PDB file of N, CA and C in Angstrom:
ATOM      1  N   MET A   1     -76.498  -1.483  13.821  1.00  0.00           N
ATOM      2  CA  MET A   1     -76.109  -0.236  13.216  1.00  0.00           C
ATOM      3  C   MET A   1     -74.593  -0.057  13.246  1.00  0.00           C
ATOM      4  N   LEU A   2     -73.957  -0.478  14.326  1.00  0.00           N
ATOM      5  CA  LEU A   2     -72.512  -0.344  14.409  1.00  0.00           C
ATOM      6  C   LEU A   2     -71.805  -1.221  13.385  1.00  0.00           C
ATOM      7  N   ASP A   3     -72.417  -2.359  13.037  1.00  0.00           N
ATOM      8  CA  ASP A   3     -71.830  -3.211  12.001  1.00  0.00           C
ATOM      9  C   ASP A   3     -71.838  -2.499  10.658  1.00  0.00           C
ATOM     10  N   THR A   4     -72.887  -1.745  10.380  1.00  0.00           N
ATOM     11  CA  THR A   4     -72.967  -1.007   9.127  1.00  0.00           C
ATOM     12  C   THR A   4     -71.926   0.100   9.085  1.00  0.00           C
ATOM     13  N   VAL A   5     -71.753   0.795  10.195  1.00  0.00           N
ATOM     14  CA  VAL A   5     -70.747   1.858  10.260  1.00  0.00           C
ATOM     15  C   VAL A   5     -69.355   1.261  10.068  1.00  0.00           C
ATOM     16  N   ARG A   6     -69.099   0.129  10.716  1.00  0.00           N
ATOM     17  CA  ARG A   6     -67.789  -0.521  10.565  1.00  0.00           C
ATOM     18  C   ARG A   6     -67.556  -0.946   9.119  1.00  0.00           C
ATOM     19  N   LEU A   7     -68.581  -1.436   8.451  1.00  0.00           N
ATOM     20  CA  LEU A   7     -68.466  -1.825   7.051  1.00  0.00           C
ATOM     21  C   LEU A   7     -68.068  -0.635   6.188  1.00  0.00           C
ATOM     22  N   TYR A   8     -68.702   0.504   6.404  1.00  0.00           N
ATOM     23  CA  TYR A   8     -68.372   1.703   5.631  1.00  0.00           C
ATOM     24  C   TYR A   8     -66.969   2.225   5.963  1.00  0.00           C
ATOM     25  N   VAL A   9     -66.566   2.134   7.214  1.00  0.00           N
ATOM     26  CA  VAL A   9     -65.217   2.569   7.593  1.00  0.00           C
ATOM     27  C   VAL A   9     -64.178   1.659   6.941  1.00  0.00           C
ATOM     28  N   ASP A  10     -64.404   0.355   6.988  1.00  0.00           N
ATOM     29  CA  ASP A  10     -63.472  -0.586   6.366  1.00  0.00           C
ATOM     30  C   ASP A  10     -63.391  -0.365   4.857  1.00  0.00           C
ATOM     31  N   ALA A  11     -64.515  -0.121   4.223  1.00  0.00           N
ATOM     32  CA  ALA A  11     -64.514   0.132   2.781  1.00  0.00           C
ATOM     33  C   ALA A  11     -63.787   1.431   2.455  1.00  0.00           C
ATOM     34  N   THR A  12     -63.952   2.438   3.281  1.00  0.00           N
ATOM     35  CA  THR A  12     -63.258   3.711   3.067  1.00  0.00           C
ATOM     36  C   THR A  12     -61.752   3.544   3.217  1.00  0.00           C
ATOM     37  N   VAL A  13     -61.334   2.780   4.206  1.00  0.00           N
ATOM     38  CA  VAL A  13     -59.902   2.517   4.396  1.00  0.00           C
ATOM     39  C   VAL A  13     -59.349   1.736   3.206  1.00  0.00           C
ATOM     40  N   ALA A  14     -60.095   0.758   2.715  1.00  0.00           N
ATOM     41  CA  ALA A  14     -59.640  -0.036   1.574  1.00  0.00           C
ATOM     42  C   ALA A  14     -59.478   0.836   0.334  1.00  0.00           C
ATOM     43  N   VAL A  15     -60.440   1.688   0.065  1.00  0.00           N
ATOM     44  CA  VAL A  15     -60.346   2.570  -1.106  1.00  0.00           C
ATOM     45  C   VAL A  15     -59.212   3.572  -0.929  1.00  0.00           C
ATOM     46  N   ALA A  16     -58.995   4.044   0.284  1.00  0.00           N
ATOM     47  CA  ALA A  16     -57.882   4.961   0.534  1.00  0.00           C
ATOM     48  C   ALA A  16     -56.538   4.275   0.298  1.00  0.00           C
ATOM     49  N   LEU A  17     -56.402   3.024   0.723  1.00  0.00           N
ATOM     50  CA  LEU A  17     -55.175   2.269   0.461  1.00  0.00           C
ATOM     51  C   LEU A  17     -54.971   2.069  -1.040  1.00  0.00           C
ATOM     52  N   MET A  18     -56.025   1.698  -1.730  1.00  0.00           N
ATOM     53  CA  MET A  18     -55.933   1.471  -3.169  1.00  0.00           C
ATOM     54  C   MET A  18     -55.534   2.756  -3.885  1.00  0.00           C
ATOM     55  N   THR A  19     -56.124   3.863  -3.492  1.00  0.00           N
ATOM     56  CA  THR A  19     -55.812   5.144  -4.110  1.00  0.00           C
ATOM     57  C   THR A  19     -54.372   5.559  -3.816  1.00  0.00           C
ATOM     58  N   THR A  20     -53.927   5.349  -2.579  1.00  0.00           N
ATOM     59  CA  THR A  20     -52.556   5.708  -2.214  1.00  0.00           C
ATOM     60  C   THR A  20     -51.546   4.925  -3.038  1.00  0.00           C
ATOM     61  N   PHE A  21     -51.743   3.621  -3.150  1.00  0.00           N
ATOM     62  CA  PHE A  21     -50.821   2.820  -3.955  1.00  0.00           C
ATOM     63  C   PHE A  21     -50.871   3.223  -5.424  1.00  0.00           C
ATOM     64  N   GLY A  22     -52.054   3.567  -5.915  1.00  0.00           N
ATOM     65  CA  GLY A  22     -52.166   4.028  -7.300  1.00  0.00           C
ATOM     66  C   GLY A  22     -51.426   5.330  -7.534  1.00  0.00           C
ATOM     67  N   ILE A  23     -51.549   6.256  -6.596  1.00  0.00           N
ATOM     68  CA  ILE A  23     -50.866   7.548  -6.729  1.00  0.00           C
ATOM     69  C   ILE A  23     -49.351   7.366  -6.656  1.00  0.00           C
ATOM     70  N   VAL A  24     -48.888   6.545  -5.721  1.00  0.00           N
ATOM     71  CA  VAL A  24     -47.449   6.295  -5.602  1.00  0.00           C
ATOM     72  C   VAL A  24     -46.914   5.660  -6.879  1.00  0.00           C
ATOM     73  N   ALA A  25     -47.631   4.681  -7.406  1.00  0.00           N
ATOM     74  CA  ALA A  25     -47.199   4.042  -8.650  1.00  0.00           C
ATOM     75  C   ALA A  25     -47.201   5.038  -9.801  1.00  0.00           C
ATOM     76  N   GLY A  26     -48.166   5.943  -9.824  1.00  0.00           N
ATOM     77  CA  GLY A  26     -48.190   6.974 -10.857  1.00  0.00           C
ATOM     78  C   GLY A  26     -46.996   7.909 -10.773  1.00  0.00           C
ATOM     79  N   PHE A  27     -46.634   8.309  -9.556  1.00  0.00           N
ATOM     80  CA  PHE A  27     -45.465   9.172  -9.392  1.00  0.00           C
ATOM     81  C   PHE A  27     -44.172   8.461  -9.772  1.00  0.00           C
ATOM     82  N   VAL A  28     -44.071   7.183  -9.425  1.00  0.00           N
ATOM     83  CA  VAL A  28     -42.879   6.417  -9.803  1.00  0.00           C
ATOM     84  C   VAL A  28     -42.797   6.299 -11.319  1.00  0.00           C
ATOM     85  N   ALA A  29     -43.917   6.022 -11.959  1.00  0.00           N
ATOM     86  CA  ALA A  29     -43.927   5.930 -13.420  1.00  0.00           C
ATOM     87  C   ALA A  29     -43.606   7.284 -14.046  1.00  0.00           C
ATOM     88  N   ALA A  30     -44.070   8.356 -13.436  1.00  0.00           N
ATOM     89  CA  ALA A  30     -43.768   9.690 -13.960  1.00  0.00           C
ATOM     90  C   ALA A  30     -42.291  10.007 -13.829  1.00  0.00           C
ATOM     91  N   ALA A  31     -41.662   9.552 -12.744  1.00  0.00           N
ATOM     92  CA  ALA A  31     -40.237   9.800 -12.555  1.00  0.00           C
ATOM     93  C   ALA A  31     -39.401   8.971 -13.523  1.00  0.00           C
ATOM     94  N   MET A  32     -39.888   7.768 -13.837  1.00  0.00           N
ATOM     95  CA  MET A  32     -39.121   6.897 -14.726  1.00  0.00           C
ATOM     96  C   MET A  32     -39.331   7.224 -16.193  1.00  0.00           C
ATOM     97  N   THR A  33     -40.556   7.559 -16.565  1.00  0.00           N
ATOM     98  CA  THR A  33     -40.877   7.889 -17.962  1.00  0.00           C
ATOM     99  C   THR A  33     -41.707   9.157 -17.969  1.00  0.00           C
ATOM    100  N   GLY A  34     -41.696   9.843 -19.072  1.00  0.00           N
ATOM    101  CA  GLY A  34     -42.525  11.032 -19.191  1.00  0.00           C
ATOM    102  C   GLY A  34     -43.820  10.755 -19.941  1.00  0.00           C
ATOM    103  N   ASN A  35     -44.045   9.504 -20.269  1.00  0.00           N
ATOM    104  CA  ASN A  35     -45.203   9.119 -21.065  1.00  0.00           C
ATOM    105  C   ASN A  35     -46.450   9.083 -20.185  1.00  0.00           C
ATOM    106  N   HIS A  36     -47.450   9.853 -20.567  1.00  0.00           N
ATOM    107  CA  HIS A  36     -48.681   9.916 -19.772  1.00  0.00           C
ATOM    108  C   HIS A  36     -49.431   8.591 -19.777  1.00  0.00           C
ATOM    109  N   MET A  37     -49.325   7.842 -20.850  1.00  0.00           N
ATOM    110  CA  MET A  37     -50.031   6.556 -20.916  1.00  0.00           C
ATOM    111  C   MET A  37     -49.442   5.568 -19.911  1.00  0.00           C
ATOM    112  N   HIS A  38     -48.109   5.579 -19.751  1.00  0.00           N
ATOM    113  CA  HIS A  38     -47.487   4.692 -18.774  1.00  0.00           C
ATOM    114  C   HIS A  38     -47.881   5.075 -17.348  1.00  0.00           C
ATOM    115  N   ILE A  39     -48.024   6.354 -17.107  1.00  0.00           N
ATOM    116  CA  ILE A  39     -48.425   6.817 -15.778  1.00  0.00           C
ATOM    117  C   ILE A  39     -49.826   6.325 -15.456  1.00  0.00           C
ATOM    118  N   VAL A  40     -50.737   6.478 -16.396  1.00  0.00           N
ATOM    119  CA  VAL A  40     -52.128   6.046 -16.184  1.00  0.00           C
ATOM    120  C   VAL A  40     -52.196   4.532 -16.017  1.00  0.00           C
ATOM    121  N   LEU A  41     -51.464   3.798 -16.839  1.00  0.00           N
ATOM    122  CA  LEU A  41     -51.474   2.341 -16.745  1.00  0.00           C
ATOM    123  C   LEU A  41     -50.888   1.859 -15.416  1.00  0.00           C
ATOM    124  N   ALA A  42     -49.802   2.469 -14.974  1.00  0.00           N
ATOM    125  CA  ALA A  42     -49.194   2.068 -13.695  1.00  0.00           C
ATOM    126  C   ALA A  42     -50.128   2.367 -12.533  1.00  0.00           C
ATOM    127  N   ALA A  43     -50.742   3.538 -12.541  1.00  0.00           N
ATOM    128  CA  ALA A  43     -51.663   3.897 -11.458  1.00  0.00           C
ATOM    129  C   ALA A  43     -52.882   2.986 -11.455  1.00  0.00           C
ATOM    130  N   GLY A  44     -53.421   2.725 -12.633  1.00  0.00           N
ATOM    131  CA  GLY A  44     -54.587   1.841 -12.730  1.00  0.00           C
ATOM    132  C   GLY A  44     -54.267   0.412 -12.331  1.00  0.00           C
ATOM    133  N   ALA A  45     -53.107  -0.075 -12.745  1.00  0.00           N
ATOM    134  CA  ALA A  45     -52.709  -1.436 -12.385  1.00  0.00           C
ATOM    135  C   ALA A  45     -52.484  -1.564 -10.885  1.00  0.00           C
ATOM    136  N   ALA A  46     -51.832  -0.581 -10.280  1.00  0.00           N
ATOM    137  CA  ALA A  46     -51.608  -0.626  -8.826  1.00  0.00           C
ATOM    138  C   ALA A  46     -52.929  -0.559  -8.072  1.00  0.00           C
ATOM    139  N   PHE A  47     -53.847   0.278  -8.532  1.00  0.00           N
ATOM    140  CA  PHE A  47     -55.165   0.390  -7.911  1.00  0.00           C
ATOM    141  C   PHE A  47     -55.895  -0.951  -7.991  1.00  0.00           C
ATOM    142  N   ALA A  48     -55.908  -1.540  -9.182  1.00  0.00           N
ATOM    143  CA  ALA A  48     -56.628  -2.802  -9.382  1.00  0.00           C
ATOM    144  C   ALA A  48     -55.978  -3.955  -8.620  1.00  0.00           C
ATOM    145  N   LEU A  49     -54.655  -4.048  -8.650  1.00  0.00           N
ATOM    146  CA  LEU A  49     -53.984  -5.144  -7.959  1.00  0.00           C
ATOM    147  C   LEU A  49     -54.140  -5.039  -6.444  1.00  0.00           C
ATOM    148  N   THR A  50     -54.159  -3.834  -5.924  1.00  0.00           N
ATOM    149  CA  THR A  50     -54.408  -3.670  -4.488  1.00  0.00           C
ATOM    150  C   THR A  50     -55.825  -4.111  -4.151  1.00  0.00           C
ATOM    151  N   GLY A  51     -56.772  -3.773  -4.997  1.00  0.00           N
ATOM    152  CA  GLY A  51     -58.153  -4.219  -4.786  1.00  0.00           C
ATOM    153  C   GLY A  51     -58.277  -5.730  -4.825  1.00  0.00           C
ATOM    154  N   VAL A  52     -57.576  -6.360  -5.756  1.00  0.00           N
ATOM    155  CA  VAL A  52     -57.592  -7.818  -5.833  1.00  0.00           C
ATOM    156  C   VAL A  52     -56.974  -8.428  -4.583  1.00  0.00           C
ATOM    157  N   ALA A  53     -55.846  -7.894  -4.136  1.00  0.00           N
ATOM    158  CA  ALA A  53     -55.189  -8.422  -2.948  1.00  0.00           C
ATOM    159  C   ALA A  53     -56.078  -8.273  -1.709  1.00  0.00           C
ATOM    160  N   LEU A  54     -56.728  -7.140  -1.564  1.00  0.00           N
ATOM    161  CA  LEU A  54     -57.615  -6.944  -0.413  1.00  0.00           C
ATOM    162  C   LEU A  54     -58.840  -7.851  -0.497  1.00  0.00           C
ATOM    163  N   THR A  55     -59.351  -8.078  -1.703  1.00  0.00           N
ATOM    164  CA  THR A  55     -60.502  -8.959  -1.869  1.00  0.00           C
ATOM    165  C   THR A  55     -60.137 -10.396  -1.537  1.00  0.00           C
ATOM    166  N   VAL A  56     -58.978 -10.851  -1.997  1.00  0.00           N
ATOM    167  CA  VAL A  56     -58.533 -12.213  -1.681  1.00  0.00           C
ATOM    168  C   VAL A  56     -58.309 -12.357  -0.181  1.00  0.00           C
ATOM    169  N   ARG A  57     -57.729 -11.342   0.431  1.00  0.00           N
ATOM    170  CA  ARG A  57     -57.513 -11.384   1.883  1.00  0.00           C
ATOM    171  C   ARG A  57     -58.841 -11.478   2.622  1.00  0.00           C
ATOM    172  N   LEU A  58     -59.812 -10.691   2.210  1.00  0.00           N
ATOM    173  CA  LEU A  58     -61.135 -10.739   2.835  1.00  0.00           C
ATOM    174  C   LEU A  58     -61.786 -12.093   2.613  1.00  0.00           C
ATOM    175  N   TRP A  59     -61.665 -12.631   1.407  1.00  0.00           N
ATOM    176  CA  TRP A  59     -62.253 -13.927   1.092  1.00  0.00           C
ATOM    177  C   TRP A  59     -61.642 -15.016   1.969  1.00  0.00           C
ATOM    178  N   ARG A  60     -60.325 -14.980   2.152  1.00  0.00           N
ATOM    179  CA  ARG A  60     -59.659 -16.000   2.971  1.00  0.00           C
ATOM    180  C   ARG A  60     -60.016 -15.847   4.449  1.00  0.00           C
ATOM    181  N   MET A  61     -60.254 -14.625   4.899  1.00  0.00           N
ATOM    182  CA  MET A  61     -60.614 -14.406   6.304  1.00  0.00           C
ATOM    183  C   MET A  61     -62.021 -14.910   6.611  1.00  0.00           C
ATOM    184  N   THR A  62     -62.904 -14.872   5.625  1.00  0.00           N
ATOM    185  CA  THR A  62     -64.300 -15.223   5.878  1.00  0.00           C
ATOM    186  C   THR A  62     -64.605 -16.692   5.603  1.00  0.00           C
ATOM    187  N   ARG A  63     -63.637 -17.440   5.092  1.00  0.00           N
ATOM    188  CA  ARG A  63     -63.883 -18.866   4.862  1.00  0.00           C
ATOM    189  C   ARG A  63     -63.918 -19.596   6.185  1.00  0.00           C
ATOM    190  N   ARG A  64     -64.808 -20.538   6.291  1.00  0.00           N
ATOM    191  CA  ARG A  64     -64.912 -21.315   7.521  1.00  0.00           C
ATOM    192  C   ARG A  64     -63.910 -22.466   7.463  1.00  0.00           C
ATOM    193  N   PRO A  65     -63.246 -22.744   8.581  1.00  0.00           N
ATOM    194  CA  PRO A  65     -62.317 -23.873   8.577  1.00  0.00           C
ATOM    195  C   PRO A  65     -63.082 -25.191   8.498  1.00  0.00           C
ATOM    196  N   ALA A  66     -62.429 -26.201   7.985  1.00  0.00           N
ATOM    197  CA  ALA A  66     -63.049 -27.522   7.884  1.00  0.00           C
ATOM    198  C   ALA A  66     -63.211 -28.099   9.288  1.00  0.00           C
ATOM    199  N   PRO A  67     -64.288 -28.855   9.474  1.00  0.00           N
ATOM    200  CA  PRO A  67     -64.459 -29.457  10.810  1.00  0.00           C
ATOM    201  C   PRO A  67     -63.351 -30.482  11.063  1.00  0.00           C
ATOM    202  N   PRO A  68     -63.006 -30.700  12.320  1.00  0.00           N
ATOM    203  CA  PRO A  68     -61.934 -31.650  12.610  1.00  0.00           C
ATOM    204  C   PRO A  68     -62.355 -33.083  12.237  1.00  0.00           C
ATOM    205  N   ALA A  69     -61.368 -33.868  11.888  1.00  0.00           N
ATOM    206  CA  ALA A  69     -61.644 -35.263  11.529  1.00  0.00           C
ATOM    207  C   ALA A  69     -62.083 -36.042  12.772  1.00  0.00           C
ATOM    208  N   PRO A  70     -63.001 -36.964  12.578  1.00  0.00           N
ATOM    209  CA  PRO A  70     -63.452 -37.731  13.763  1.00  0.00           C
ATOM    210  C   PRO A  70     -62.326 -38.631  14.278  1.00  0.00           C
ATOM    211  N   ALA A  71     -62.303 -38.794  15.583  1.00  0.00           N
ATOM    212  CA  ALA A  71     -61.277 -39.652  16.206  1.00  0.00           C
ATOM    213  C   ALA A  71     -61.586 -41.121  15.909  1.00  0.00           C
ATOM    214  N   VAL A  72     -60.566 -41.859  15.596  1.00  0.00           N
ATOM    215  CA  VAL A  72     -60.767 -43.289  15.264  1.00  0.00           C
ATOM    216  C   VAL A  72     -60.381 -44.149  16.433  1.00  0.00           C
TER     217      VAL A  72
END
């Protein structure tokens, strides 16, 4: 049961990070341009790229290392 709770906590933290980066990117785009489409695109791109980075990080953490080569 604790593994399930940890999974939900980790997922919540990941979504919170993705949302934070998306919001920051949206504010930066709003400060640089007044175009609403650029704001939405920047926020969406930051959200998606953060998700990709976290997924790749998780994938690399869960890969098993290769067994050591036999001694000759």
